Amino acid sequence: MRNEMSFEAMEKITQVEADNRERKTAAEAEAREIVAKAEREGLALLQQTRAAAAESGKQLLRQAEDRAARRTEEIRLSAEREAGALRQTAQQHLDQAAEFIVGRVVKH
């Protein structure tokens, strides 16, 4: 009876150890799959983030270019107004200078 019990106990221990090895192997495989899935998802998220950042950068650049174009137009219009005012002032001075010269020539 003692041998029979010892044999049964050894069989049970052997079976428990085999079950434990299977569970450990399955757990290790599951852990590897979880890590691989996390890496894939992390890479996908990184790519999405990079794409979103690139698009955001493009949008910011377009906005900056639009602001620059509007400011350029404002400066151009202002320069045209100032140039017109300077031409008008120069023309008035030219007319005054011509009258002055004609007046001096006529007096002499």
C-alpha atoms as a PDB file:
ATOM      1  CA  MET A   1       0.000   0.000   0.000  1.00  0.00           C
ATOM      2  CA  ARG A   2       2.833   2.351   0.808  1.00  0.00           C
ATOM      3  CA  ASN A   3       4.488   1.732  -2.567  1.00  0.00           C
ATOM      4  CA  GLU A   4       1.176   2.177  -4.250  1.00  0.00           C
ATOM      5  CA  MET A   5       0.643   5.496  -2.486  1.00  0.00           C
ATOM      6  CA  SER A   6       4.150   6.646  -3.235  1.00  0.00           C
ATOM      7  CA  PHE A   7       3.750   5.710  -6.873  1.00  0.00           C
ATOM      8  CA  GLU A   8       0.431   7.558  -7.063  1.00  0.00           C
ATOM      9  CA  ALA A   9       1.979  10.569  -5.314  1.00  0.00           C
ATOM     10  CA  MET A  10       4.917  10.542  -7.719  1.00  0.00           C
ATOM     11  CA  GLU A  11       2.565  10.267 -10.691  1.00  0.00           C
ATOM     12  CA  LYS A  12       0.511  13.156  -9.314  1.00  0.00           C
ATOM     13  CA  ILE A  13       3.658  15.259  -8.743  1.00  0.00           C
ATOM     14  CA  THR A  14       4.899  14.444 -12.241  1.00  0.00           C
ATOM     15  CA  GLN A  15       1.511  15.391 -13.697  1.00  0.00           C
ATOM     16  CA  VAL A  16       1.412  18.646 -11.689  1.00  0.00           C
ATOM     17  CA  GLU A  17       4.940  19.502 -12.828  1.00  0.00           C
ATOM     18  CA  ALA A  18       4.003  18.770 -16.472  1.00  0.00           C
ATOM     19  CA  ASP A  19       0.878  20.937 -16.112  1.00  0.00           C
ATOM     20  CA  ASN A  20       2.986  23.702 -14.606  1.00  0.00           C
ATOM     21  CA  ARG A  21       5.477  23.502 -17.488  1.00  0.00           C
ATOM     22  CA  GLU A  22       2.618  23.709 -20.005  1.00  0.00           C
ATOM     23  CA  ARG A  23       1.085  26.674 -18.205  1.00  0.00           C
ATOM     24  CA  LYS A  24       4.492  28.359 -17.999  1.00  0.00           C
ATOM     25  CA  THR A  25       5.139  27.765 -21.717  1.00  0.00           C
ATOM     26  CA  ALA A  26       1.666  29.060 -22.583  1.00  0.00           C
ATOM     27  CA  ALA A  27       2.158  32.099 -20.325  1.00  0.00           C
ATOM     28  CA  GLU A  28       5.539  32.848 -21.906  1.00  0.00           C
ATOM     29  CA  ALA A  29       4.027  32.579 -25.397  1.00  0.00           C
ATOM     30  CA  GLU A  30       1.159  34.852 -24.362  1.00  0.00           C
ATOM     31  CA  ALA A  31       3.607  37.338 -22.846  1.00  0.00           C
ATOM     32  CA  ARG A  32       5.642  37.375 -26.078  1.00  0.00           C
ATOM     33  CA  GLU A  33       2.443  37.965 -28.080  1.00  0.00           C
ATOM     34  CA  ILE A  34       1.400  40.797 -25.732  1.00  0.00           C
ATOM     35  CA  VAL A  35       4.822  42.432 -26.110  1.00  0.00           C
ATOM     36  CA  ALA A  36       4.763  42.011 -29.900  1.00  0.00           C
ATOM     37  CA  LYS A  37       1.235  43.449 -30.080  1.00  0.00           C
ATOM     38  CA  ALA A  38       2.244  46.394 -27.878  1.00  0.00           C
ATOM     39  CA  GLU A  39       5.256  47.062 -30.115  1.00  0.00           C
ATOM     40  CA  ARG A  40       3.082  46.954 -33.250  1.00  0.00           C
ATOM     41  CA  GLU A  41       0.510  49.265 -31.705  1.00  0.00           C
ATOM     42  CA  GLY A  42       3.237  51.579 -30.434  1.00  0.00           C
ATOM     43  CA  LEU A  43       4.821  51.799 -33.877  1.00  0.00           C
ATOM     44  CA  ALA A  44       1.427  52.432 -35.469  1.00  0.00           C
ATOM     45  CA  LEU A  45       0.719  55.192 -32.959  1.00  0.00           C
ATOM     46  CA  LEU A  46       4.154  56.699 -33.573  1.00  0.00           C
ATOM     47  CA  GLN A  47       3.523  56.716 -37.327  1.00  0.00           C
ATOM     48  CA  GLN A  48       0.103  58.313 -36.805  1.00  0.00           C
ATOM     49  CA  THR A  49       1.620  60.937 -34.534  1.00  0.00           C
ATOM     50  CA  ARG A  50       4.366  61.710 -37.041  1.00  0.00           C
ATOM     51  CA  ALA A  51       1.829  61.985 -39.866  1.00  0.00           C
ATOM     52  CA  ALA A  52      -0.375  64.266 -37.778  1.00  0.00           C
ATOM     53  CA  ALA A  53       2.637  66.410 -36.844  1.00  0.00           C
ATOM     54  CA  ALA A  54       3.689  66.655 -40.486  1.00  0.00           C
ATOM     55  CA  GLU A  55       0.174  67.699 -41.519  1.00  0.00           C
ATOM     56  CA  SER A  56       0.023  70.198 -38.675  1.00  0.00           C
ATOM     57  CA  GLY A  57       3.376  71.610 -39.794  1.00  0.00           C
ATOM     58  CA  LYS A  58       2.104  71.944 -43.356  1.00  0.00           C
ATOM     59  CA  GLN A  59      -1.022  73.700 -42.134  1.00  0.00           C
ATOM     60  CA  LEU A  60       1.011  76.093 -39.984  1.00  0.00           C
ATOM     61  CA  LEU A  61       3.255  76.832 -42.951  1.00  0.00           C
ATOM     62  CA  ARG A  62       0.236  77.549 -45.171  1.00  0.00           C
ATOM     63  CA  GLN A  63      -1.165  79.891 -42.521  1.00  0.00           C
ATOM     64  CA  ALA A  64       2.185  81.687 -42.214  1.00  0.00           C
ATOM     65  CA  GLU A  65       2.415  82.015 -46.002  1.00  0.00           C
ATOM     66  CA  ASP A  66      -1.121  83.437 -46.119  1.00  0.00           C
ATOM     67  CA  ARG A  67      -0.285  85.977 -43.398  1.00  0.00           C
ATOM     68  CA  ALA A  68       2.932  86.897 -45.210  1.00  0.00           C
ATOM     69  CA  ALA A  69       1.049  87.380 -48.499  1.00  0.00           C
ATOM     70  CA  ARG A  70      -1.533  89.618 -46.803  1.00  0.00           C
ATOM     71  CA  ARG A  71       1.195  91.641 -45.085  1.00  0.00           C
ATOM     72  CA  THR A  72       3.127  91.930 -48.358  1.00  0.00           C
ATOM     73  CA  GLU A  73       0.016  93.307 -50.052  1.00  0.00           C
ATOM     74  CA  GLU A  74      -0.519  95.785 -47.200  1.00  0.00           C
ATOM     75  CA  ILE A  75       3.085  96.983 -47.514  1.00  0.00           C
ATOM     76  CA  ARG A  76       2.789  97.241 -51.302  1.00  0.00           C
ATOM     77  CA  LEU A  77      -0.375  99.337 -51.082  1.00  0.00           C
ATOM     78  CA  SER A  78       1.169 101.563 -48.424  1.00  0.00           C
ATOM     79  CA  ALA A  79       4.300 102.018 -50.547  1.00  0.00           C
ATOM     80  CA  GLU A  80       2.157 102.934 -53.554  1.00  0.00           C
ATOM     81  CA  ARG A  81       0.277 105.530 -51.508  1.00  0.00           C
ATOM     82  CA  GLU A  82       3.514 106.989 -50.162  1.00  0.00           C
ATOM     83  CA  ALA A  83       5.080 107.014 -53.649  1.00  0.00           C
ATOM     84  CA  GLY A  84       2.008 108.816 -55.012  1.00  0.00           C
ATOM     85  CA  ALA A  85       2.200 111.397 -52.237  1.00  0.00           C
ATOM     86  CA  LEU A  86       5.933 111.891 -52.888  1.00  0.00           C
ATOM     87  CA  ARG A  87       5.311 112.278 -56.636  1.00  0.00           C
ATOM     88  CA  GLN A  88       2.624 114.821 -55.958  1.00  0.00           C
ATOM     89  CA  THR A  89       4.905 116.752 -53.586  1.00  0.00           C
ATOM     90  CA  ALA A  90       7.757 116.564 -56.074  1.00  0.00           C
ATOM     91  CA  GLN A  91       5.481 117.815 -58.862  1.00  0.00           C
ATOM     92  CA  GLN A  92       4.404 120.755 -56.714  1.00  0.00           C
ATOM     93  CA  HIS A  93       8.031 121.597 -55.939  1.00  0.00           C
ATOM     94  CA  LEU A  94       8.871 121.229 -59.608  1.00  0.00           C
ATOM     95  CA  ASP A  95       6.076 123.636 -60.521  1.00  0.00           C
ATOM     96  CA  GLN A  96       7.260 126.085 -57.858  1.00  0.00           C
ATOM     97  CA  ALA A  97      10.875 125.743 -59.014  1.00  0.00           C
ATOM     98  CA  ALA A  98       9.847 126.349 -62.635  1.00  0.00           C
ATOM     99  CA  GLU A  99       7.893 129.464 -61.643  1.00  0.00           C
ATOM    100  CA  PHE A 100      10.863 130.678 -59.601  1.00  0.00           C
ATOM    101  CA  ILE A 101      13.287 130.124 -62.492  1.00  0.00           C
ATOM    102  CA  VAL A 102      10.961 131.771 -65.012  1.00  0.00           C
ATOM    103  CA  GLY A 103      10.507 134.686 -62.614  1.00  0.00           C
ATOM    104  CA  ARG A 104      14.268 135.135 -62.229  1.00  0.00           C
ATOM    105  CA  VAL A 105      14.875 134.899 -65.990  1.00  0.00           C
ATOM    106  CA  VAL A 106      12.165 137.408 -66.746  1.00  0.00           C
ATOM    107  CA  LYS A 107      13.494 139.882 -64.133  1.00  0.00           C
ATOM    108  CA  HIS A 108      17.003 139.811 -65.609  1.00  0.00           C
END
